[in-house]
Amino acid sequence: MKCGAHVSFQDMQRILAPKYPEVFERYDQALVASCLSRDGTWVWCPRCEAGGFAAAAACLDAECPGCAYKFCVSCKSPAHTGKTCAEVWHDDMSKSPQYAQILFHRLIRSGGCRQCP
């Protein structure tokens, strides 16, 4: 609000819920998502908005309670138990026709290769 006044959750519920229940539901969901996102240990499923996962460590595989998608908490790719995120990225990229170009640009940026004078 421009005036800087704080509107409590209870006031929003009292004002919106009776006449605009769908608006209040979206407000409530956005508030929960905002609080969980600030936590730093909560990760939303990359495939749906139905569920999240409380992360305990990097490169941890999770299963979404909403859609049953199994994914890596760190890189959001499909679950890859036994492989690091970097290994999965390398495996995926090595199948890509742009892989050599990506490696070349990475080499240039790292200073390992310089343009001819």
N, C-alpha and C. Protein backbone atom coordinates (compact mmCIF):
# COMPACT_ATOMS: atom_id res chain seq x y z
N MET A 1 0.83 -1.17 0.00
CA MET A 1 0.00 0.00 0.00
C MET A 1 0.89 1.25 0.00
N LYS A 2 0.46 2.27 -0.68
CA LYS A 2 1.23 3.50 -0.75
C LYS A 2 1.28 4.22 0.59
N CYS A 3 0.26 4.06 1.41
CA CYS A 3 0.21 4.78 2.69
C CYS A 3 1.12 4.14 3.73
N GLY A 4 1.61 2.94 3.45
CA GLY A 4 2.51 2.26 4.38
C GLY A 4 1.78 1.50 5.48
N ALA A 5 0.48 1.48 5.44
CA ALA A 5 -0.29 0.75 6.46
C ALA A 5 -0.16 -0.76 6.25
N HIS A 6 -0.19 -1.48 7.32
CA HIS A 6 -0.11 -2.94 7.29
C HIS A 6 -1.53 -3.52 7.37
N VAL A 7 -1.84 -4.42 6.46
CA VAL A 7 -3.14 -5.09 6.49
C VAL A 7 -2.88 -6.51 6.96
N SER A 8 -3.49 -6.89 8.04
CA SER A 8 -3.26 -8.21 8.62
C SER A 8 -3.91 -9.31 7.78
N PHE A 9 -3.45 -10.51 7.99
CA PHE A 9 -4.02 -11.67 7.32
C PHE A 9 -5.51 -11.80 7.66
N GLN A 10 -5.83 -11.60 8.92
CA GLN A 10 -7.22 -11.71 9.36
C GLN A 10 -8.11 -10.67 8.67
N ASP A 11 -7.58 -9.44 8.49
CA ASP A 11 -8.35 -8.42 7.79
C ASP A 11 -8.56 -8.80 6.32
N MET A 12 -7.51 -9.32 5.69
CA MET A 12 -7.63 -9.76 4.29
C MET A 12 -8.67 -10.87 4.18
N GLN A 13 -8.65 -11.79 5.11
CA GLN A 13 -9.61 -12.90 5.10
C GLN A 13 -11.03 -12.37 5.30
N ARG A 14 -11.21 -11.47 6.23
CA ARG A 14 -12.53 -10.91 6.52
C ARG A 14 -13.07 -10.12 5.33
N ILE A 15 -12.18 -9.40 4.63
CA ILE A 15 -12.61 -8.56 3.52
C ILE A 15 -12.82 -9.37 2.24
N LEU A 16 -11.87 -10.26 1.92
CA LEU A 16 -11.91 -10.97 0.64
C LEU A 16 -12.72 -12.26 0.63
N ALA A 17 -12.55 -13.08 1.66
CA ALA A 17 -13.11 -14.44 1.63
C ALA A 17 -14.62 -14.51 1.38
N PRO A 18 -15.44 -13.68 2.00
CA PRO A 18 -16.88 -13.82 1.78
C PRO A 18 -17.32 -13.58 0.34
N LYS A 19 -16.79 -12.54 -0.30
CA LYS A 19 -17.25 -12.20 -1.66
C LYS A 19 -16.33 -12.69 -2.75
N TYR A 20 -15.05 -12.85 -2.44
CA TYR A 20 -14.05 -13.24 -3.46
C TYR A 20 -13.17 -14.38 -2.94
N PRO A 21 -13.76 -15.54 -2.70
CA PRO A 21 -12.99 -16.64 -2.11
C PRO A 21 -11.79 -17.07 -2.97
N GLU A 22 -11.94 -17.01 -4.31
CA GLU A 22 -10.83 -17.43 -5.18
C GLU A 22 -9.67 -16.44 -5.10
N VAL A 23 -9.96 -15.17 -4.92
CA VAL A 23 -8.90 -14.16 -4.77
C VAL A 23 -8.18 -14.37 -3.44
N PHE A 24 -8.96 -14.62 -2.39
CA PHE A 24 -8.34 -14.86 -1.08
C PHE A 24 -7.49 -16.12 -1.12
N GLU A 25 -7.94 -17.16 -1.80
CA GLU A 25 -7.17 -18.41 -1.90
C GLU A 25 -5.83 -18.15 -2.59
N ARG A 26 -5.84 -17.36 -3.66
CA ARG A 26 -4.59 -17.03 -4.36
C ARG A 26 -3.67 -16.19 -3.46
N TYR A 27 -4.26 -15.27 -2.72
CA TYR A 27 -3.49 -14.45 -1.76
C TYR A 27 -2.84 -15.36 -0.71
N ASP A 28 -3.60 -16.27 -0.17
CA ASP A 28 -3.11 -17.18 0.86
C ASP A 28 -1.97 -18.05 0.31
N GLN A 29 -2.15 -18.59 -0.88
CA GLN A 29 -1.11 -19.43 -1.49
C GLN A 29 0.16 -18.62 -1.77
N ALA A 30 0.01 -17.39 -2.24
CA ALA A 30 1.16 -16.54 -2.52
C ALA A 30 1.90 -16.20 -1.22
N LEU A 31 1.17 -15.97 -0.16
CA LEU A 31 1.77 -15.67 1.13
C LEU A 31 2.57 -16.86 1.65
N VAL A 32 2.02 -18.05 1.56
CA VAL A 32 2.72 -19.26 1.98
C VAL A 32 3.98 -19.46 1.13
N ALA A 33 3.85 -19.33 -0.19
CA ALA A 33 5.00 -19.50 -1.08
C ALA A 33 6.09 -18.49 -0.77
N SER A 34 5.71 -17.26 -0.50
CA SER A 34 6.68 -16.21 -0.18
C SER A 34 7.43 -16.54 1.11
N CYS A 35 6.70 -16.97 2.12
CA CYS A 35 7.34 -17.33 3.40
C CYS A 35 8.29 -18.52 3.23
N LEU A 36 7.86 -19.53 2.50
CA LEU A 36 8.70 -20.71 2.30
C LEU A 36 9.93 -20.38 1.47
N SER A 37 9.78 -19.54 0.47
CA SER A 37 10.91 -19.18 -0.39
C SER A 37 11.98 -18.43 0.39
N ARG A 38 11.58 -17.62 1.35
CA ARG A 38 12.55 -16.88 2.17
C ARG A 38 13.31 -17.78 3.12
N ASP A 39 12.77 -18.96 3.40
CA ASP A 39 13.38 -19.88 4.34
C ASP A 39 14.76 -20.34 3.87
N GLY A 40 14.93 -20.57 2.58
CA GLY A 40 16.21 -21.02 2.06
C GLY A 40 16.38 -22.53 2.05
N THR A 41 15.54 -23.26 2.74
CA THR A 41 15.64 -24.72 2.72
C THR A 41 14.47 -25.35 1.98
N TRP A 42 13.58 -24.53 1.45
CA TRP A 42 12.40 -25.03 0.76
C TRP A 42 12.61 -24.90 -0.74
N VAL A 43 12.36 -25.95 -1.47
CA VAL A 43 12.53 -25.96 -2.92
C VAL A 43 11.22 -26.37 -3.57
N TRP A 44 10.77 -25.57 -4.54
CA TRP A 44 9.54 -25.92 -5.26
C TRP A 44 9.86 -26.92 -6.35
N CYS A 45 8.92 -27.79 -6.63
CA CYS A 45 9.06 -28.76 -7.71
C CYS A 45 9.19 -28.01 -9.05
N PRO A 46 10.14 -28.41 -9.90
CA PRO A 46 10.29 -27.73 -11.19
C PRO A 46 9.19 -28.08 -12.21
N ARG A 47 8.37 -29.06 -11.91
CA ARG A 47 7.33 -29.50 -12.85
C ARG A 47 5.93 -29.02 -12.51
N CYS A 48 5.66 -28.74 -11.24
CA CYS A 48 4.30 -28.35 -10.87
C CYS A 48 4.36 -27.34 -9.72
N GLU A 49 3.23 -26.79 -9.39
CA GLU A 49 3.15 -25.84 -8.28
C GLU A 49 2.48 -26.46 -7.06
N ALA A 50 2.25 -27.74 -7.11
CA ALA A 50 1.49 -28.38 -6.04
C ALA A 50 2.31 -28.68 -4.80
N GLY A 51 3.62 -28.84 -4.96
CA GLY A 51 4.38 -29.26 -3.80
C GLY A 51 5.77 -28.69 -3.75
N GLY A 52 6.37 -28.88 -2.62
CA GLY A 52 7.74 -28.45 -2.41
C GLY A 52 8.46 -29.50 -1.61
N PHE A 53 9.71 -29.20 -1.31
CA PHE A 53 10.52 -30.17 -0.59
C PHE A 53 11.47 -29.43 0.33
N ALA A 54 11.55 -29.83 1.56
CA ALA A 54 12.50 -29.22 2.49
C ALA A 54 13.85 -29.86 2.28
N ALA A 55 14.77 -29.10 1.74
CA ALA A 55 16.09 -29.62 1.37
C ALA A 55 16.99 -29.75 2.59
N ALA A 56 17.71 -30.84 2.66
CA ALA A 56 18.65 -31.05 3.76
C ALA A 56 20.09 -30.86 3.30
N ALA A 57 20.37 -31.09 2.02
CA ALA A 57 21.74 -30.96 1.52
C ALA A 57 21.72 -30.77 0.02
N ALA A 58 22.84 -30.32 -0.53
CA ALA A 58 22.95 -30.15 -1.98
C ALA A 58 23.02 -31.53 -2.65
N CYS A 59 22.66 -31.59 -3.90
CA CYS A 59 22.65 -32.83 -4.68
C CYS A 59 21.83 -33.92 -3.99
N LEU A 60 20.72 -33.52 -3.44
CA LEU A 60 19.83 -34.47 -2.79
C LEU A 60 18.63 -34.71 -3.69
N ASP A 61 18.33 -35.94 -3.93
CA ASP A 61 17.18 -36.26 -4.76
C ASP A 61 15.91 -36.15 -3.92
N ALA A 62 14.86 -35.63 -4.56
CA ALA A 62 13.58 -35.45 -3.87
C ALA A 62 12.46 -35.96 -4.76
N GLU A 63 11.32 -36.23 -4.14
CA GLU A 63 10.13 -36.60 -4.89
C GLU A 63 9.02 -35.63 -4.52
N CYS A 64 8.45 -34.99 -5.52
CA CYS A 64 7.39 -34.02 -5.30
C CYS A 64 6.15 -34.72 -4.77
N PRO A 65 5.59 -34.22 -3.69
CA PRO A 65 4.36 -34.83 -3.17
C PRO A 65 3.14 -34.55 -4.06
N GLY A 66 3.26 -33.56 -4.96
CA GLY A 66 2.13 -33.20 -5.81
C GLY A 66 2.04 -34.03 -7.08
N CYS A 67 3.21 -34.22 -7.77
CA CYS A 67 3.16 -34.90 -9.07
C CYS A 67 4.06 -36.13 -9.14
N ALA A 68 4.75 -36.45 -8.05
CA ALA A 68 5.64 -37.61 -7.94
C ALA A 68 6.88 -37.51 -8.82
N TYR A 69 7.20 -36.31 -9.34
CA TYR A 69 8.42 -36.12 -10.13
C TYR A 69 9.62 -36.22 -9.21
N LYS A 70 10.59 -37.04 -9.59
CA LYS A 70 11.82 -37.19 -8.81
C LYS A 70 12.88 -36.29 -9.44
N PHE A 71 13.43 -35.38 -8.61
CA PHE A 71 14.38 -34.40 -9.12
C PHE A 71 15.47 -34.10 -8.10
N CYS A 72 16.54 -33.49 -8.61
CA CYS A 72 17.65 -33.07 -7.75
C CYS A 72 17.31 -31.71 -7.17
N VAL A 73 17.44 -31.58 -5.87
CA VAL A 73 17.14 -30.33 -5.18
C VAL A 73 18.08 -29.22 -5.64
N SER A 74 19.31 -29.56 -5.95
CA SER A 74 20.30 -28.56 -6.32
C SER A 74 20.14 -28.03 -7.73
N CYS A 75 20.05 -28.91 -8.72
CA CYS A 75 20.04 -28.47 -10.13
C CYS A 75 18.68 -28.61 -10.81
N LYS A 76 17.70 -29.17 -10.12
CA LYS A 76 16.32 -29.33 -10.62
C LYS A 76 16.18 -30.29 -11.81
N SER A 77 17.26 -30.97 -12.16
CA SER A 77 17.17 -31.95 -13.24
C SER A 77 16.59 -33.24 -12.67
N PRO A 78 16.25 -34.21 -13.53
CA PRO A 78 15.75 -35.48 -12.99
C PRO A 78 16.74 -36.06 -11.97
N ALA A 79 16.21 -36.79 -11.01
CA ALA A 79 17.03 -37.36 -9.95
C ALA A 79 18.24 -38.10 -10.53
N HIS A 80 19.39 -37.93 -9.88
CA HIS A 80 20.62 -38.56 -10.38
C HIS A 80 21.45 -39.09 -9.23
N THR A 81 20.87 -40.00 -8.47
CA THR A 81 21.57 -40.62 -7.35
C THR A 81 22.86 -41.25 -7.84
N GLY A 82 23.95 -40.95 -7.16
CA GLY A 82 25.25 -41.52 -7.52
C GLY A 82 26.06 -40.65 -8.46
N LYS A 83 25.48 -39.58 -9.01
CA LYS A 83 26.20 -38.67 -9.88
C LYS A 83 26.07 -37.25 -9.33
N THR A 84 27.13 -36.47 -9.47
CA THR A 84 27.04 -35.07 -9.06
C THR A 84 26.29 -34.29 -10.14
N CYS A 85 25.88 -33.09 -9.79
CA CYS A 85 25.19 -32.22 -10.75
C CYS A 85 26.10 -31.92 -11.94
N ALA A 86 27.39 -31.71 -11.66
CA ALA A 86 28.35 -31.42 -12.73
C ALA A 86 28.47 -32.60 -13.70
N GLU A 87 28.47 -33.81 -13.18
CA GLU A 87 28.55 -34.99 -14.04
C GLU A 87 27.31 -35.11 -14.93
N VAL A 88 26.16 -34.82 -14.35
CA VAL A 88 24.92 -34.88 -15.12
C VAL A 88 24.94 -33.82 -16.20
N TRP A 89 25.37 -32.60 -15.85
CA TRP A 89 25.46 -31.52 -16.83
C TRP A 89 26.40 -31.93 -17.96
N HIS A 90 27.54 -32.47 -17.63
CA HIS A 90 28.51 -32.89 -18.65
C HIS A 90 27.92 -33.98 -19.54
N ASP A 91 27.25 -34.96 -18.94
CA ASP A 91 26.64 -36.04 -19.73
C ASP A 91 25.59 -35.49 -20.69
N ASP A 92 24.74 -34.58 -20.17
CA ASP A 92 23.69 -33.99 -21.01
C ASP A 92 24.29 -33.14 -22.13
N MET A 93 25.27 -32.33 -21.78
CA MET A 93 25.86 -31.41 -22.76
C MET A 93 26.68 -32.15 -23.81
N SER A 94 27.31 -33.25 -23.43
CA SER A 94 28.13 -33.98 -24.40
C SER A 94 27.28 -34.56 -25.53
N LYS A 95 25.98 -34.67 -25.30
CA LYS A 95 25.07 -35.16 -26.33
C LYS A 95 24.58 -34.02 -27.22
N SER A 96 24.86 -32.79 -26.81
CA SER A 96 24.38 -31.62 -27.53
C SER A 96 25.33 -31.23 -28.66
N PRO A 97 24.80 -30.82 -29.81
CA PRO A 97 25.67 -30.39 -30.90
C PRO A 97 26.42 -29.10 -30.57
N GLN A 98 25.97 -28.34 -29.59
CA GLN A 98 26.63 -27.10 -29.20
C GLN A 98 27.69 -27.31 -28.12
N TYR A 99 27.93 -28.56 -27.73
CA TYR A 99 28.84 -28.86 -26.62
C TYR A 99 30.24 -28.31 -26.87
N ALA A 100 30.80 -28.54 -28.04
CA ALA A 100 32.16 -28.07 -28.35
C ALA A 100 32.22 -26.55 -28.29
N GLN A 101 31.20 -25.90 -28.78
CA GLN A 101 31.17 -24.43 -28.77
C GLN A 101 31.11 -23.92 -27.32
N ILE A 102 30.33 -24.57 -26.48
CA ILE A 102 30.22 -24.16 -25.08
C ILE A 102 31.57 -24.33 -24.38
N LEU A 103 32.22 -25.47 -24.61
CA LEU A 103 33.54 -25.69 -24.01
C LEU A 103 34.56 -24.69 -24.50
N PHE A 104 34.51 -24.36 -25.79
CA PHE A 104 35.44 -23.39 -26.37
C PHE A 104 35.27 -22.02 -25.71
N HIS A 105 34.02 -21.57 -25.57
CA HIS A 105 33.76 -20.27 -24.93
C HIS A 105 34.16 -20.28 -23.46
N ARG A 106 33.98 -21.40 -22.79
CA ARG A 106 34.40 -21.51 -21.39
C ARG A 106 35.92 -21.42 -21.29
N LEU A 107 36.62 -22.05 -22.21
CA LEU A 107 38.08 -21.99 -22.24
C LEU A 107 38.57 -20.56 -22.46
N ILE A 108 37.94 -19.85 -23.37
CA ILE A 108 38.32 -18.46 -23.64
C ILE A 108 38.09 -17.60 -22.39
N ARG A 109 36.93 -17.75 -21.76
CA ARG A 109 36.60 -16.95 -20.58
C ARG A 109 37.54 -17.25 -19.41
N SER A 110 38.04 -18.47 -19.32
CA SER A 110 38.91 -18.82 -18.21
C SER A 110 40.34 -18.30 -18.39
N GLY A 111 40.64 -17.76 -19.57
CA GLY A 111 41.99 -17.25 -19.82
C GLY A 111 42.94 -18.30 -20.35
N GLY A 112 42.45 -19.50 -20.59
CA GLY A 112 43.30 -20.58 -21.08
C GLY A 112 43.58 -20.49 -22.56
N CYS A 113 42.95 -19.58 -23.23
CA CYS A 113 43.13 -19.42 -24.67
C CYS A 113 42.99 -17.93 -24.99
N ARG A 114 43.88 -17.43 -25.85
CA ARG A 114 43.83 -16.01 -26.19
C ARG A 114 43.70 -15.84 -27.68
N GLN A 115 43.12 -14.71 -28.07
CA GLN A 115 42.97 -14.39 -29.48
C GLN A 115 44.34 -14.06 -30.06
N CYS A 116 44.57 -14.50 -31.29
CA CYS A 116 45.84 -14.20 -31.95
C CYS A 116 45.99 -12.68 -32.15
N PRO A 117 47.27 -12.15 -32.06
CA PRO A 117 47.47 -10.71 -32.25
C PRO A 117 47.24 -10.27 -33.68
